[in-house]
């Protein structure tokens, strides 16, 4: 989320009128991953599905 916070304003300025930016990622934490491989894979799958607009399984 650090990179998103750093460039969010630039992304929003570049968007055409009427298009909204939405964050799809992990909530802010000190650690960049979930900590366990299985939890990381599950969370990564959720993020990709949310970003692409796919329904959850």
C-alpha atoms as a PDB file:
ATOM      1  CA  UNK A   1       0.000   0.000   0.000  1.00  0.00           C
ATOM      2  CA  UNK A   2       2.986   2.305   0.398  1.00  0.00           C
ATOM      3  CA  UNK A   3       3.435   2.718  -3.345  1.00  0.00           C
ATOM      4  CA  UNK A   4      -0.284   3.355  -3.784  1.00  0.00           C
ATOM      5  CA  UNK A   5      -0.245   6.103  -1.170  1.00  0.00           C
ATOM      6  CA  UNK A   6       2.781   7.665  -2.835  1.00  0.00           C
ATOM      7  CA  UNK A   7       1.277   7.920  -6.341  1.00  0.00           C
ATOM      8  CA  UNK A   8      -2.473   7.977  -5.723  1.00  0.00           C
ATOM      9  CA  UNK A   9      -2.793  11.712  -6.363  1.00  0.00           C
ATOM     10  CA  UNK A  10      -0.928  11.385  -9.676  1.00  0.00           C
ATOM     11  CA  UNK A  11      -3.160   8.524 -10.790  1.00  0.00           C
ATOM     12  CA  UNK A  12      -6.307  10.462  -9.878  1.00  0.00           C
ATOM     13  CA  UNK A  13      -5.100  13.532 -11.781  1.00  0.00           C
ATOM     14  CA  UNK A  14      -4.500  11.411 -14.908  1.00  0.00           C
ATOM     15  CA  UNK A  15      -7.989   9.855 -14.933  1.00  0.00           C
ATOM     16  CA  UNK A  16     -10.665  11.192 -17.256  1.00  0.00           C
ATOM     17  CA  UNK A  17     -13.658  12.949 -15.691  1.00  0.00           C
ATOM     18  CA  UNK A  18     -16.162  10.495 -14.253  1.00  0.00           C
ATOM     19  CA  UNK A  19     -13.662   7.658 -13.782  1.00  0.00           C
ATOM     20  CA  UNK A  20     -12.925   6.769 -10.160  1.00  0.00           C
ATOM     21  CA  UNK A  21      -9.843   5.085  -8.732  1.00  0.00           C
ATOM     22  CA  UNK A  22     -10.361   2.262  -6.268  1.00  0.00           C
ATOM     23  CA  UNK A  23      -7.708   0.451  -4.220  1.00  0.00           C
ATOM     24  CA  UNK A  24      -7.701  -3.347  -4.470  1.00  0.00           C
ATOM     25  CA  UNK A  25      -5.052  -4.764  -2.173  1.00  0.00           C
ATOM     26  CA  UNK A  26      -4.074  -5.737   1.304  1.00  0.00           C
ATOM     27  CA  UNK A  27      -5.032  -3.482   4.193  1.00  0.00           C
ATOM     28  CA  UNK A  28      -2.172  -1.345   5.508  1.00  0.00           C
ATOM     29  CA  UNK A  29       0.173  -3.364   7.724  1.00  0.00           C
ATOM     30  CA  UNK A  30       3.822  -3.275   8.714  1.00  0.00           C
ATOM     31  CA  UNK A  31       4.406  -6.568   6.894  1.00  0.00           C
ATOM     32  CA  UNK A  32       4.018  -6.782   3.085  1.00  0.00           C
ATOM     33  CA  UNK A  33       2.603 -10.329   3.132  1.00  0.00           C
ATOM     34  CA  UNK A  34       0.326 -12.561   5.144  1.00  0.00           C
ATOM     35  CA  UNK A  35       3.099 -14.551   6.818  1.00  0.00           C
ATOM     36  CA  UNK A  36       1.947 -18.050   5.864  1.00  0.00           C
ATOM     37  CA  UNK A  37       2.201 -19.355   2.288  1.00  0.00           C
ATOM     38  CA  UNK A  38      -1.379 -20.639   2.202  1.00  0.00           C
ATOM     39  CA  UNK A  39      -2.778 -17.386   3.597  1.00  0.00           C
ATOM     40  CA  UNK A  40      -0.660 -15.401   1.130  1.00  0.00           C
ATOM     41  CA  UNK A  41      -1.982 -17.388  -1.852  1.00  0.00           C
ATOM     42  CA  UNK A  42      -5.567 -16.987  -0.660  1.00  0.00           C
ATOM     43  CA  UNK A  43      -5.152 -13.237  -0.122  1.00  0.00           C
ATOM     44  CA  UNK A  44      -3.399 -12.781  -3.471  1.00  0.00           C
ATOM     45  CA  UNK A  45      -6.265 -14.605  -5.204  1.00  0.00           C
ATOM     46  CA  UNK A  46      -8.770 -12.287  -3.503  1.00  0.00           C
ATOM     47  CA  UNK A  47      -6.845  -9.196  -4.603  1.00  0.00           C
ATOM     48  CA  UNK A  48      -6.593 -10.297  -8.232  1.00  0.00           C
ATOM     49  CA  UNK A  49     -10.290 -11.222  -8.366  1.00  0.00           C
ATOM     50  CA  UNK A  50     -11.304  -7.901  -6.823  1.00  0.00           C
ATOM     51  CA  UNK A  51      -9.063  -5.938  -9.185  1.00  0.00           C
ATOM     52  CA  UNK A  52     -10.421  -7.738 -12.262  1.00  0.00           C
ATOM     53  CA  UNK A  53     -14.030  -7.709 -11.111  1.00  0.00           C
ATOM     54  CA  UNK A  54     -14.330 -11.502 -10.913  1.00  0.00           C
ATOM     55  CA  UNK A  55     -16.762 -13.050  -8.443  1.00  0.00           C
ATOM     56  CA  UNK A  56     -15.282 -14.773  -5.378  1.00  0.00           C
ATOM     57  CA  UNK A  57     -15.221 -18.569  -5.312  1.00  0.00           C
END
